[in-house]
Amino acid sequence: MQVACVKPIKNSSLRTSLLHKKLEKLNLMENDLILRAARGESVTRVPVWCMRQAGRYLPEFREVREEHEFFKVCRTPELACKVTLQPIDRFDLDASIIFSDILVIPQALGMEVQMIKGKGPVFPEPLNGPDDLKRLTTDVDVKSCLKYVYDAIALTREKLNGKVPLIGFAGAPWTLMVYMIEGGSSKTYSKAKRWLYLYPEASTNLLQRLTDIIVEYLVEQVHAGAQLLQVFDSHAGELPEDLFLQYCYPYLNEIVTKVKAKLGAEKAVPMIVFAKGAHYAIEKLAQTEYDVIALDWQMDRKKARLLAPNKTLMGNLDPCALYAEKEVLERCVEKMIREFGTSRYIANLGHGMYPDMDPEHLRVFVDAVHKFSEKVITETK
């Protein structure tokens, strides 16, 4: 069964073209710390945000989800904007990230994706072999199919009113390919990796098709008002280095190169790459045009700094540190800041927030980053 291009659940009253006219005014930022850090400029304190900062750990988010199915929230700009702003209203974060999902691209390609409670995303009809690629939509109109994301970005920029910058994002080709073939989460990733060994030509064709869509998708997010972009390659570390260099790296590099070229020097925004688990790739990623390299919690901080001296680093506190008592969490944060330093650094977790975390522990984390980074900056003056 092929699913038609996903349309917004509800007709938005937004007029994106009119909102775009307001972007020049909104470019006057109250807090531009993350933009400065991404560009390698000096900051008064280390900026901090968290992956999955809009999510199930917040009671106000759970209230929205009780009334609305997950992808309905993604496809309704007003709801996506609402949940995007929830953590910004609660905490002293230095960036907002639009509420969406990396799997909107497989949906745009005609695949059905269900969000199952307790299981996460499920593809009822995954790709079992190369012949199944014929089921995918051949000519995806990115501007039309994913317009609800751009409308959500435009509305959120308006509501933020320059308080903090807004991050847009997409999943990387390999990570999307994994979901499309595995049909959901996996312990071994053997179905997707099997394709790389058995069907290299079909794998390359699929990865290139995804890359082309991702490039257009990210460019449109910037046109809608996104001020930074992050590419999530959450399954990069499942590959040995040789397969990463063949099936991940070229497409990650192509994405950043083409997005920046299409936007041009005046409109291009800082871009972040997160190749989770691919510790062997830091030096290679540092050779790309990505401005920021995000690190998972298992990456050695000092080694990463040596491998990527001219890039801003982001991360990488163990998410489980947020289960700790306040004093322990604060010590972990101070250690992290002293190891990374305060120049060319954005604080974050090494992965996303977990659903059972206490929101107040995120507050401790954010406030500790600000407190200790200000202390270190003062000490070094």
Protein backbone atom coordinates (compact mmCIF):
# COMPACT_ATOMS: atom_id res chain seq x y z
CA MET A 1 0.00 0.00 0.00
CA GLN A 2 1.33 3.42 -0.95
CA VAL A 3 0.38 6.30 1.27
CA ALA A 4 -0.46 9.64 -0.37
CA CYS A 5 1.65 12.68 0.40
CA VAL A 6 0.87 13.65 4.00
CA LYS A 7 -1.11 16.86 4.24
CA PRO A 8 -1.63 19.06 7.30
CA ILE A 9 -4.38 17.76 9.58
CA LYS A 10 -5.97 21.15 9.65
CA ASN A 11 -5.86 24.08 7.27
CA SER A 12 -3.60 26.62 8.93
CA SER A 13 -4.59 30.26 8.89
CA LEU A 14 -0.91 31.13 8.48
CA ARG A 15 0.18 33.15 5.53
CA THR A 16 3.83 32.20 5.39
CA SER A 17 4.70 34.84 2.85
CA LEU A 18 3.41 37.55 5.18
CA LEU A 19 5.29 36.10 8.12
CA HIS A 20 8.48 36.12 6.09
CA LYS A 21 8.20 39.89 5.87
CA LYS A 22 8.51 40.00 9.64
CA LEU A 23 11.73 37.97 9.75
CA GLU A 24 13.98 40.98 9.32
CA LYS A 25 12.52 42.48 12.50
CA LEU A 26 12.80 39.14 14.28
CA ASN A 27 16.48 38.92 13.39
CA LEU A 28 17.09 41.36 16.26
CA MET A 29 17.82 38.66 18.81
CA GLU A 30 17.47 39.09 22.55
CA ASN A 31 19.77 36.08 22.98
CA ASP A 32 22.09 35.09 20.12
CA LEU A 33 24.62 33.11 22.19
CA ILE A 34 24.20 29.86 20.27
CA LEU A 35 24.62 31.62 16.92
CA ARG A 36 27.79 33.28 18.17
CA ALA A 37 29.18 30.03 19.58
CA ALA A 38 28.37 28.16 16.35
CA ARG A 39 30.31 30.77 14.38
CA GLY A 40 33.25 30.59 16.80
CA GLU A 41 32.69 34.07 18.23
CA SER A 42 33.16 35.07 21.87
CA VAL A 43 30.31 34.57 24.33
CA THR A 44 29.54 35.80 27.84
CA ARG A 45 28.42 32.32 28.87
CA VAL A 46 28.19 28.91 27.20
CA PRO A 47 24.84 28.45 25.43
CA VAL A 48 22.83 25.35 26.28
CA TRP A 49 19.86 23.44 24.88
CA CYS A 50 18.77 19.80 24.95
CA MET A 51 17.84 17.32 22.30
CA ARG A 52 14.21 16.25 22.85
CA GLN A 53 13.72 19.28 25.11
CA ALA A 54 10.08 19.35 23.96
CA GLY A 55 8.86 15.92 24.97
CA ARG A 56 7.16 13.48 27.29
CA TYR A 57 9.12 14.44 30.42
CA LEU A 58 7.03 17.65 30.50
CA PRO A 59 3.53 17.27 31.97
CA GLU A 60 2.21 20.01 29.68
CA PHE A 61 3.44 18.04 26.67
CA ARG A 62 1.72 14.89 27.92
CA GLU A 63 -1.52 16.86 28.20
CA VAL A 64 -1.30 17.77 24.53
CA ARG A 65 -0.56 14.16 23.58
CA GLU A 66 -3.55 12.90 25.54
CA GLU A 67 -5.75 14.88 23.15
CA HIS A 68 -3.79 14.55 19.91
CA GLU A 69 -2.00 11.74 18.06
CA PHE A 70 1.76 12.29 17.66
CA PHE A 71 1.82 13.02 13.94
CA LYS A 72 -1.25 15.20 14.27
CA VAL A 73 0.84 17.44 16.54
CA CYS A 74 3.61 17.44 13.93
CA ARG A 75 1.20 18.29 11.10
CA THR A 76 -0.73 21.01 12.89
CA PRO A 77 1.42 24.18 12.97
CA GLU A 78 -0.35 25.67 15.99
CA LEU A 79 0.17 22.49 18.04
CA ALA A 80 3.78 22.04 16.90
CA CYS A 81 4.47 25.65 17.84
CA LYS A 82 2.78 25.21 21.22
CA VAL A 83 4.89 22.25 22.29
CA THR A 84 8.06 23.78 20.83
CA LEU A 85 7.62 26.75 23.16
CA GLN A 86 6.80 24.73 26.30
CA PRO A 87 10.43 24.20 27.44
CA ILE A 88 11.32 27.78 26.45
CA ASP A 89 8.58 29.05 28.76
CA ARG A 90 9.90 26.87 31.61
CA PHE A 91 13.68 27.08 31.42
CA ASP A 92 16.45 29.56 30.62
CA LEU A 93 17.43 27.71 27.44
CA ASP A 94 19.48 29.40 24.73
CA ALA A 95 17.77 27.79 21.74
CA SER A 96 14.49 26.31 20.65
CA ILE A 97 14.14 23.37 18.25
CA ILE A 98 11.02 22.96 16.15
CA PHE A 99 8.80 20.07 17.20
CA SER A 100 8.68 17.60 14.34
CA ASP A 101 10.08 14.16 13.52
CA ILE A 102 12.80 12.88 11.22
CA LEU A 103 10.31 10.37 9.75
CA VAL A 104 8.22 13.00 7.98
CA ILE A 105 10.50 12.39 4.97
CA PRO A 106 9.64 8.67 4.63
CA GLN A 107 6.02 9.76 4.96
CA ALA A 108 6.51 12.23 2.11
CA LEU A 109 7.89 9.31 0.08
CA GLY A 110 4.60 7.49 0.57
CA MET A 111 5.44 5.20 3.48
CA GLU A 112 3.06 4.79 6.38
CA VAL A 113 4.51 5.47 9.83
CA GLN A 114 2.64 4.83 13.06
CA MET A 115 3.73 6.02 16.49
CA ILE A 116 2.91 3.11 18.82
CA LYS A 117 2.85 3.68 22.57
CA GLY A 118 5.66 1.73 24.22
CA LYS A 119 7.28 0.83 20.86
CA GLY A 120 7.98 4.10 19.11
CA PRO A 121 7.74 4.48 15.33
CA VAL A 122 6.52 1.48 13.33
CA PHE A 123 6.41 1.04 9.53
CA PRO A 124 3.64 -1.49 8.78
CA GLU A 125 5.14 -2.14 5.33
CA PRO A 126 8.92 -1.65 5.44
CA LEU A 127 11.23 -2.06 2.46
CA ASN A 128 12.16 -5.74 2.22
CA GLY A 129 14.19 -5.64 -0.99
CA PRO A 130 15.15 -3.43 -3.93
CA ASP A 131 11.87 -4.10 -5.73
CA ASP A 132 10.07 -2.32 -2.89
CA LEU A 133 11.74 0.95 -3.91
CA LYS A 134 9.13 1.08 -6.68
CA ARG A 135 6.54 1.75 -3.98
CA LEU A 136 8.16 5.07 -3.08
CA THR A 137 6.87 8.29 -4.57
CA THR A 138 9.14 9.13 -7.48
CA ASP A 139 8.72 12.91 -7.55
CA VAL A 140 8.27 14.38 -4.07
CA ASP A 141 7.09 17.98 -3.98
CA VAL A 142 9.02 18.96 -0.84
CA LYS A 143 7.51 22.43 -0.67
CA SER A 144 3.97 21.09 -0.71
CA CYS A 145 4.24 17.77 1.17
CA LEU A 146 6.13 19.25 4.12
CA LYS A 147 4.59 22.69 4.14
CA TYR A 148 3.15 22.08 7.60
CA VAL A 149 6.72 22.00 8.97
CA TYR A 150 7.58 25.33 7.35
CA ASP A 151 4.35 26.86 8.63
CA ALA A 152 5.18 25.66 12.14
CA ILE A 153 8.66 27.20 11.87
CA ALA A 154 7.29 30.52 10.64
CA LEU A 155 4.69 30.67 13.40
CA THR A 156 7.21 29.70 16.07
CA ARG A 157 9.67 32.36 14.93
CA GLU A 158 6.88 34.90 15.25
CA LYS A 159 5.92 33.69 18.74
CA LEU A 160 9.54 33.56 19.93
CA ASN A 161 9.89 37.22 18.95
CA GLY A 162 13.68 37.04 19.08
CA LYS A 163 13.88 35.50 22.56
CA VAL A 164 16.17 32.68 21.39
CA PRO A 165 17.10 31.26 17.99
CA LEU A 166 15.07 28.45 16.39
CA ILE A 167 16.70 25.23 15.19
CA GLY A 168 15.38 23.21 12.27
CA PHE A 169 16.46 19.63 11.57
CA ALA A 170 16.31 16.50 9.45
CA GLY A 171 17.34 12.90 9.77
CA ALA A 172 20.42 11.81 7.81
CA PRO A 173 20.00 9.46 4.82
CA TRP A 174 21.45 6.36 6.49
CA THR A 175 19.36 6.79 9.63
CA LEU A 176 16.18 7.23 7.57
CA MET A 177 17.11 4.21 5.47
CA VAL A 178 17.47 2.14 8.64
CA TYR A 179 13.95 2.96 9.78
CA MET A 180 12.48 2.37 6.32
CA ILE A 181 14.01 -1.12 6.12
CA GLU A 182 13.94 -2.26 9.76
CA GLY A 183 10.36 -1.07 10.16
CA GLY A 184 11.10 0.40 13.59
CA SER A 185 13.67 0.09 16.34
CA SER A 186 16.27 -2.68 16.17
CA LYS A 187 18.90 -4.32 18.34
CA THR A 188 21.14 -5.50 15.49
CA TYR A 189 20.24 -3.30 12.47
CA SER A 190 20.89 -6.46 10.46
CA LYS A 191 18.11 -5.89 7.91
CA ALA A 192 19.42 -2.46 6.91
CA LYS A 193 23.09 -3.46 7.02
CA ARG A 194 22.24 -6.52 4.93
CA TRP A 195 21.19 -4.16 2.13
CA LEU A 196 24.63 -2.53 2.11
CA TYR A 197 26.32 -5.90 1.52
CA LEU A 198 23.74 -7.50 -0.80
CA TYR A 199 22.31 -4.51 -2.66
CA PRO A 200 24.98 -1.79 -2.83
CA GLU A 201 23.51 -0.19 -5.97
CA ALA A 202 19.98 -0.07 -4.58
CA SER A 203 21.33 1.24 -1.27
CA THR A 204 23.22 4.02 -3.04
CA ASN A 205 20.16 4.94 -5.08
CA LEU A 206 17.99 5.15 -1.97
CA LEU A 207 20.55 7.17 -0.03
CA GLN A 208 20.91 9.61 -2.92
CA ARG A 209 17.15 10.00 -3.25
CA LEU A 210 16.90 10.75 0.46
CA THR A 211 19.82 13.18 0.25
CA ASP A 212 18.17 15.17 -2.53
CA ILE A 213 14.95 15.51 -0.51
CA ILE A 214 16.80 16.41 2.70
CA VAL A 215 18.69 19.21 0.96
CA GLU A 216 15.49 20.80 -0.34
CA TYR A 217 13.75 20.24 3.00
CA LEU A 218 16.48 22.00 4.98
CA VAL A 219 16.69 24.90 2.53
CA GLU A 220 12.94 25.45 2.86
CA GLN A 221 13.22 25.37 6.66
CA VAL A 222 15.66 28.28 6.49
CA HIS A 223 13.37 30.16 4.12
CA ALA A 224 10.62 29.65 6.71
CA GLY A 225 12.76 31.09 9.50
CA ALA A 226 15.05 28.39 10.95
CA GLN A 227 18.27 30.00 12.21
CA LEU A 228 20.35 26.84 12.67
CA LEU A 229 20.02 23.36 11.19
CA GLN A 230 20.90 19.98 12.68
CA VAL A 231 21.33 16.72 10.78
CA PHE A 232 20.70 13.67 12.97
CA ASP A 233 22.56 10.50 11.98
CA SER A 234 21.43 8.57 15.03
CA HIS A 235 22.48 5.17 13.63
CA ALA A 236 25.85 6.18 12.18
CA GLY A 237 27.77 4.31 14.86
CA GLU A 238 26.16 1.00 13.90
CA LEU A 239 28.46 0.86 10.88
CA PRO A 240 32.15 -0.06 10.76
CA GLU A 241 34.35 2.76 9.57
CA ASP A 242 34.66 1.56 5.97
CA LEU A 243 30.89 1.36 5.53
CA PHE A 244 30.44 4.73 7.24
CA LEU A 245 32.86 6.29 4.77
CA GLN A 246 30.96 4.71 1.87
CA TYR A 247 27.33 5.06 2.94
CA CYS A 248 27.19 7.91 5.47
CA TYR A 249 29.97 10.41 5.06
CA PRO A 250 29.53 11.30 1.37
CA TYR A 251 25.86 12.09 1.86
CA LEU A 252 26.39 14.05 5.07
CA ASN A 253 29.02 16.09 3.24
CA GLU A 254 26.77 16.57 0.21
CA ILE A 255 23.93 17.83 2.40
CA VAL A 256 25.91 20.60 4.07
CA THR A 257 27.67 21.61 0.86
CA LYS A 258 24.48 21.85 -1.21
CA VAL A 259 22.34 23.47 1.49
CA LYS A 260 24.88 26.25 1.99
CA ALA A 261 25.36 26.68 -1.76
CA LYS A 262 21.63 26.91 -2.42
CA LEU A 263 21.12 29.43 0.38
CA GLY A 264 24.13 31.51 -0.56
CA ALA A 265 26.51 33.33 1.76
CA GLU A 266 23.94 35.88 2.94
CA LYS A 267 21.19 33.41 3.90
CA ALA A 268 23.22 30.39 5.00
CA VAL A 269 22.86 29.46 8.68
CA PRO A 270 25.15 27.44 10.98
CA MET A 271 24.74 23.69 10.56
CA ILE A 272 25.21 20.93 13.15
CA VAL A 273 25.99 17.28 12.43
CA PHE A 274 25.32 14.54 14.99
CA ALA A 275 26.78 11.19 13.92
CA LYS A 276 26.00 9.26 17.07
CA GLY A 277 28.55 6.58 17.91
CA ALA A 278 30.81 7.30 14.94
CA HIS A 279 33.76 8.38 17.05
CA TYR A 280 36.19 7.38 14.30
CA ALA A 281 34.61 10.02 12.05
CA ILE A 282 35.24 13.21 14.05
CA GLU A 283 38.36 14.15 12.08
CA LYS A 284 36.60 13.50 8.74
CA LEU A 285 33.53 15.49 9.80
CA ALA A 286 35.82 18.35 10.77
CA GLN A 287 36.82 18.58 7.11
CA THR A 288 33.25 19.35 6.01
CA GLU A 289 31.40 22.67 6.05
CA TYR A 290 29.43 21.79 9.19
CA ASP A 291 29.97 24.52 11.76
CA VAL A 292 29.21 22.34 14.78
CA ILE A 293 29.95 18.70 15.57
CA ALA A 294 27.64 17.21 18.18
CA LEU A 295 29.08 14.45 20.38
CA ASP A 296 27.40 11.58 22.17
CA TRP A 297 28.20 10.92 25.83
CA GLN A 298 30.76 8.20 25.07
CA MET A 299 33.10 10.47 23.11
CA ASP A 300 36.27 11.63 24.82
CA ARG A 301 36.00 15.42 25.07
CA LYS A 302 39.67 16.30 24.95
CA LYS A 303 40.28 13.93 22.04
CA ALA A 304 37.38 15.45 20.13
CA ARG A 305 38.83 18.92 20.64
CA LEU A 306 42.18 17.74 19.27
CA LEU A 307 40.53 16.11 16.25
CA ALA A 308 38.33 19.10 15.43
CA PRO A 309 40.22 22.20 16.63
CA ASN A 310 38.50 24.59 14.22
CA LYS A 311 34.93 23.45 14.81
CA THR A 312 32.45 24.25 17.55
CA LEU A 313 31.67 21.15 19.61
CA MET A 314 28.28 20.36 21.16
CA GLY A 315 27.36 17.93 23.91
CA ASN A 316 27.91 15.62 25.60
CA LEU A 317 26.66 14.97 29.14
CA ASP A 318 25.39 11.46 29.77
CA PRO A 319 21.58 11.91 29.73
CA CYS A 320 21.35 9.66 32.78
CA ALA A 321 23.25 12.28 34.79
CA LEU A 322 19.91 14.09 34.98
CA TYR A 323 18.70 11.37 37.33
CA ALA A 324 21.37 12.40 39.84
CA GLU A 325 20.94 14.60 42.89
CA LYS A 326 21.44 18.33 42.28
CA GLU A 327 24.95 18.48 43.73
CA VAL A 328 26.15 15.49 41.71
CA LEU A 329 24.62 16.86 38.51
CA GLU A 330 26.26 20.24 39.07
CA ARG A 331 29.67 18.59 39.54
CA CYS A 332 29.19 16.68 36.28
CA VAL A 333 28.36 19.92 34.48
CA GLU A 334 31.37 21.77 35.89
CA LYS A 335 33.69 18.92 34.87
CA MET A 336 32.21 18.93 31.37
CA ILE A 337 32.67 22.68 30.93
CA ARG A 338 36.24 22.64 32.16
CA GLU A 339 37.11 19.78 29.81
CA PHE A 340 35.51 21.36 26.76
CA GLY A 341 36.44 24.94 27.57
CA THR A 342 34.13 27.88 26.92
CA SER A 343 35.27 28.79 23.41
CA ARG A 344 33.60 27.14 20.40
CA TYR A 345 31.32 25.13 22.66
CA ILE A 346 27.56 24.55 22.99
CA ALA A 347 26.42 22.55 26.02
CA ASN A 348 23.94 19.74 25.49
CA LEU A 349 23.29 16.16 26.47
CA GLY A 350 24.97 13.36 24.55
CA HIS A 351 21.52 12.28 23.36
CA GLY A 352 17.92 13.25 24.10
CA MET A 353 15.91 13.70 27.27
CA TYR A 354 14.24 10.53 28.58
CA PRO A 355 10.47 10.45 29.22
CA ASP A 356 10.73 9.67 32.96
CA MET A 357 13.12 12.51 33.82
CA ASP A 358 12.20 15.17 36.38
CA PRO A 359 11.81 18.51 34.55
CA GLU A 360 13.42 20.30 37.49
CA HIS A 361 16.64 18.39 36.82
CA LEU A 362 16.78 19.99 33.40
CA ARG A 363 16.54 23.34 35.13
CA VAL A 364 19.52 22.40 37.32
CA PHE A 365 21.48 21.37 34.22
CA VAL A 366 20.74 24.58 32.30
CA ASP A 367 21.41 26.88 35.25
CA ALA A 368 24.62 25.02 36.11
CA VAL A 369 25.94 25.44 32.56
CA HIS A 370 25.37 29.17 32.78
CA LYS A 371 26.79 29.49 36.28
CA PHE A 372 29.97 27.51 35.77
CA SER A 373 30.71 28.81 32.28
CA GLU A 374 30.41 32.40 33.49
CA LYS A 375 32.79 31.47 36.34
CA VAL A 376 35.34 29.95 33.96
CA ILE A 377 35.14 32.88 31.55
CA THR A 378 35.71 35.29 34.46
CA GLU A 379 38.67 33.24 35.70
CA THR A 380 40.37 33.34 32.32
CA LYS A 381 40.06 37.08 31.75
